[in-house]
Amino acid sequence: METDSDIASALADKYTRDILTILGKEELSAQQIATRLDIPTSTTYRKIKTLEDLLLIKKTKVVRTLEGLGESYYRSLVLEINVKYRDGNLSYTVEKIKMDDKIVRLWEKFKD
């Protein structure tokens, strides 16, 4: 189970924030994320693992490549994260995408 400091540590990392930002806009694979952000693939996979463990992103699909390997795609689950520090205590709230929002996004993608 994540703690307040786990979320704070993740948000303190620039790459993690960048990954959350681009996955909030579109569904991407780890390789696509690494290329877009110009970061090593190994770093990307570590950040993805952290974000998955914190339930901030989700694997949305696995596509088989021509080589027969599975390529996972991810999407952010986060609408907003609020971090609060008061009287020596750190706390946070996460507002996640609701199911209705997912359906609207899907409809927008296929309506044309």
C-alpha atoms as a PDB file:
ATOM      1  CA  MET A   1       0.000   0.000   0.000  1.00  0.00           C
ATOM      2  CA  GLU A   2       1.274   3.436  -0.899  1.00  0.00           C
ATOM      3  CA  THR A   3       2.032   6.051   1.681  1.00  0.00           C
ATOM      4  CA  ASP A   4       1.832   9.818   1.488  1.00  0.00           C
ATOM      5  CA  SER A   5       5.607   9.964   1.144  1.00  0.00           C
ATOM      6  CA  ASP A   6       5.491   7.495  -1.798  1.00  0.00           C
ATOM      7  CA  ILE A   7       3.172   9.807  -3.719  1.00  0.00           C
ATOM      8  CA  ALA A   8       5.232  12.855  -2.747  1.00  0.00           C
ATOM      9  CA  SER A   9       8.457  11.134  -3.864  1.00  0.00           C
ATOM     10  CA  ALA A  10       6.915  10.167  -7.177  1.00  0.00           C
ATOM     11  CA  LEU A  11       5.635  13.687  -7.789  1.00  0.00           C
ATOM     12  CA  ALA A  12       9.000  15.190  -6.858  1.00  0.00           C
ATOM     13  CA  ASP A  13      10.563  13.354  -9.801  1.00  0.00           C
ATOM     14  CA  LYS A  14      10.484  15.303 -13.086  1.00  0.00           C
ATOM     15  CA  TYR A  15      10.330  12.194 -15.290  1.00  0.00           C
ATOM     16  CA  THR A  16       7.421  10.790 -13.312  1.00  0.00           C
ATOM     17  CA  ARG A  17       5.500  14.049 -13.669  1.00  0.00           C
ATOM     18  CA  ASP A  18       6.299  14.177 -17.391  1.00  0.00           C
ATOM     19  CA  ILE A  19       5.063  10.605 -17.848  1.00  0.00           C
ATOM     20  CA  LEU A  20       1.823  11.398 -16.008  1.00  0.00           C
ATOM     21  CA  THR A  21       1.379  14.482 -18.180  1.00  0.00           C
ATOM     22  CA  ILE A  22       1.764  12.751 -21.545  1.00  0.00           C
ATOM     23  CA  LEU A  23      -0.265   9.713 -20.468  1.00  0.00           C
ATOM     24  CA  GLY A  24      -3.052  12.082 -19.485  1.00  0.00           C
ATOM     25  CA  LYS A  25      -3.258  13.151 -23.112  1.00  0.00           C
ATOM     26  CA  GLU A  26      -2.768   9.867 -24.935  1.00  0.00           C
ATOM     27  CA  GLU A  27      -2.144   6.158 -24.581  1.00  0.00           C
ATOM     28  CA  LEU A  28       1.512   5.252 -25.180  1.00  0.00           C
ATOM     29  CA  SER A  29       3.932   2.355 -24.878  1.00  0.00           C
ATOM     30  CA  ALA A  30       7.059   2.544 -22.725  1.00  0.00           C
ATOM     31  CA  GLN A  31       9.220   2.883 -25.842  1.00  0.00           C
ATOM     32  CA  GLN A  32       7.085   5.758 -27.134  1.00  0.00           C
ATOM     33  CA  ILE A  33       7.298   7.475 -23.740  1.00  0.00           C
ATOM     34  CA  ALA A  34      11.080   7.071 -23.646  1.00  0.00           C
ATOM     35  CA  THR A  35      11.414   8.497 -27.156  1.00  0.00           C
ATOM     36  CA  ARG A  36       9.101  11.460 -26.541  1.00  0.00           C
ATOM     37  CA  LEU A  37      10.757  12.392 -23.259  1.00  0.00           C
ATOM     38  CA  ASP A  38      14.272  11.531 -24.459  1.00  0.00           C
ATOM     39  CA  ILE A  39      14.982   9.339 -21.421  1.00  0.00           C
ATOM     40  CA  PRO A  40      16.464   5.829 -21.219  1.00  0.00           C
ATOM     41  CA  THR A  41      13.997   2.988 -21.685  1.00  0.00           C
ATOM     42  CA  SER A  42      15.171   1.376 -18.443  1.00  0.00           C
ATOM     43  CA  THR A  43      14.339   4.582 -16.542  1.00  0.00           C
ATOM     44  CA  THR A  44      10.952   4.698 -18.252  1.00  0.00           C
ATOM     45  CA  TYR A  45      10.104   1.148 -17.163  1.00  0.00           C
ATOM     46  CA  ARG A  46      11.106   1.921 -13.552  1.00  0.00           C
ATOM     47  CA  LYS A  47       8.922   5.039 -13.500  1.00  0.00           C
ATOM     48  CA  ILE A  48       6.015   3.134 -15.077  1.00  0.00           C
ATOM     49  CA  LYS A  49       6.322   0.421 -12.407  1.00  0.00           C
ATOM     50  CA  THR A  50       6.228   3.050  -9.656  1.00  0.00           C
ATOM     51  CA  LEU A  51       3.194   4.775 -11.184  1.00  0.00           C
ATOM     52  CA  GLU A  52       1.376   1.456 -11.614  1.00  0.00           C
ATOM     53  CA  ASP A  53       2.123   0.470  -8.000  1.00  0.00           C
ATOM     54  CA  LEU A  54       0.684   3.814  -6.860  1.00  0.00           C
ATOM     55  CA  LEU A  55      -2.408   3.215  -9.055  1.00  0.00           C
ATOM     56  CA  LEU A  56      -1.793   6.444 -10.957  1.00  0.00           C
ATOM     57  CA  ILE A  57      -1.513   4.804 -14.391  1.00  0.00           C
ATOM     58  CA  LYS A  58      -2.966   1.657 -15.863  1.00  0.00           C
ATOM     59  CA  LYS A  59      -1.941  -0.765 -18.564  1.00  0.00           C
ATOM     60  CA  THR A  60      -4.699  -0.442 -21.154  1.00  0.00           C
ATOM     61  CA  LYS A  61      -3.702  -3.003 -23.737  1.00  0.00           C
ATOM     62  CA  VAL A  62      -0.950  -5.299 -24.957  1.00  0.00           C
ATOM     63  CA  VAL A  63      -0.193  -5.364 -28.681  1.00  0.00           C
ATOM     64  CA  ARG A  64       1.795  -8.170 -30.285  1.00  0.00           C
ATOM     65  CA  THR A  65       4.747  -6.885 -32.291  1.00  0.00           C
ATOM     66  CA  LEU A  66       5.991  -8.442 -35.529  1.00  0.00           C
ATOM     67  CA  GLU A  67       8.616 -10.210 -33.417  1.00  0.00           C
ATOM     68  CA  GLY A  68       5.840 -11.822 -31.364  1.00  0.00           C
ATOM     69  CA  LEU A  69       6.574  -9.805 -28.245  1.00  0.00           C
ATOM     70  CA  GLY A  70       3.915  -8.053 -26.193  1.00  0.00           C
ATOM     71  CA  GLU A  71       4.102  -4.255 -26.151  1.00  0.00           C
ATOM     72  CA  SER A  72       2.110  -2.732 -23.284  1.00  0.00           C
ATOM     73  CA  TYR A  73       0.321   0.597 -23.569  1.00  0.00           C
ATOM     74  CA  TYR A  74      -0.487   2.836 -20.616  1.00  0.00           C
ATOM     75  CA  ARG A  75      -2.868   5.639 -19.711  1.00  0.00           C
ATOM     76  CA  SER A  76      -3.014   7.994 -16.731  1.00  0.00           C
ATOM     77  CA  LEU A  77      -5.846   7.511 -14.250  1.00  0.00           C
ATOM     78  CA  VAL A  78      -5.277  10.937 -12.674  1.00  0.00           C
ATOM     79  CA  LEU A  79      -7.357  14.052 -13.115  1.00  0.00           C
ATOM     80  CA  GLU A  80      -5.806  15.899 -10.184  1.00  0.00           C
ATOM     81  CA  ILE A  81      -3.468  15.316  -7.247  1.00  0.00           C
ATOM     82  CA  ASN A  82      -3.439  17.655  -4.269  1.00  0.00           C
ATOM     83  CA  VAL A  83      -0.562  17.448  -1.808  1.00  0.00           C
ATOM     84  CA  LYS A  84      -0.842  19.150   1.565  1.00  0.00           C
ATOM     85  CA  TYR A  85       1.785  19.729   4.241  1.00  0.00           C
ATOM     86  CA  ARG A  86       0.444  20.898   7.573  1.00  0.00           C
ATOM     87  CA  ASP A  87       1.864  20.725  11.084  1.00  0.00           C
ATOM     88  CA  GLY A  88       4.627  18.385   9.986  1.00  0.00           C
ATOM     89  CA  ASN A  89       2.264  15.984   8.234  1.00  0.00           C
ATOM     90  CA  LEU A  90       2.119  15.309   4.529  1.00  0.00           C
ATOM     91  CA  SER A  91      -1.147  14.183   2.942  1.00  0.00           C
ATOM     92  CA  TYR A  92      -2.587  13.946  -0.531  1.00  0.00           C
ATOM     93  CA  THR A  93      -5.808  13.400  -2.395  1.00  0.00           C
ATOM     94  CA  VAL A  94      -6.049  11.918  -5.865  1.00  0.00           C
ATOM     95  CA  GLU A  95      -9.002  12.568  -8.122  1.00  0.00           C
ATOM     96  CA  LYS A  96      -9.139   9.794 -10.697  1.00  0.00           C
ATOM     97  CA  ILE A  97     -10.830   9.511 -14.056  1.00  0.00           C
ATOM     98  CA  LYS A  98     -14.362   8.251 -13.686  1.00  0.00           C
ATOM     99  CA  MET A  99     -15.736   5.459 -15.866  1.00  0.00           C
ATOM    100  CA  ASP A 100     -18.006   7.962 -17.637  1.00  0.00           C
ATOM    101  CA  ASP A 101     -14.917   9.961 -18.659  1.00  0.00           C
ATOM    102  CA  LYS A 102     -13.413   6.841 -20.235  1.00  0.00           C
ATOM    103  CA  ILE A 103     -16.564   6.219 -22.249  1.00  0.00           C
ATOM    104  CA  VAL A 104     -16.627   9.837 -23.430  1.00  0.00           C
ATOM    105  CA  ARG A 105     -12.964   9.592 -24.506  1.00  0.00           C
ATOM    106  CA  LEU A 106     -13.681   6.364 -26.366  1.00  0.00           C
ATOM    107  CA  TRP A 107     -16.686   7.910 -28.105  1.00  0.00           C
ATOM    108  CA  GLU A 108     -14.623  10.979 -29.094  1.00  0.00           C
ATOM    109  CA  LYS A 109     -11.978   8.692 -30.586  1.00  0.00           C
ATOM    110  CA  PHE A 110     -14.397   6.730 -32.765  1.00  0.00           C
ATOM    111  CA  LYS A 111     -17.180   9.182 -33.617  1.00  0.00           C
ATOM    112  CA  ASP A 112     -15.438  10.520 -36.745  1.00  0.00           C
END
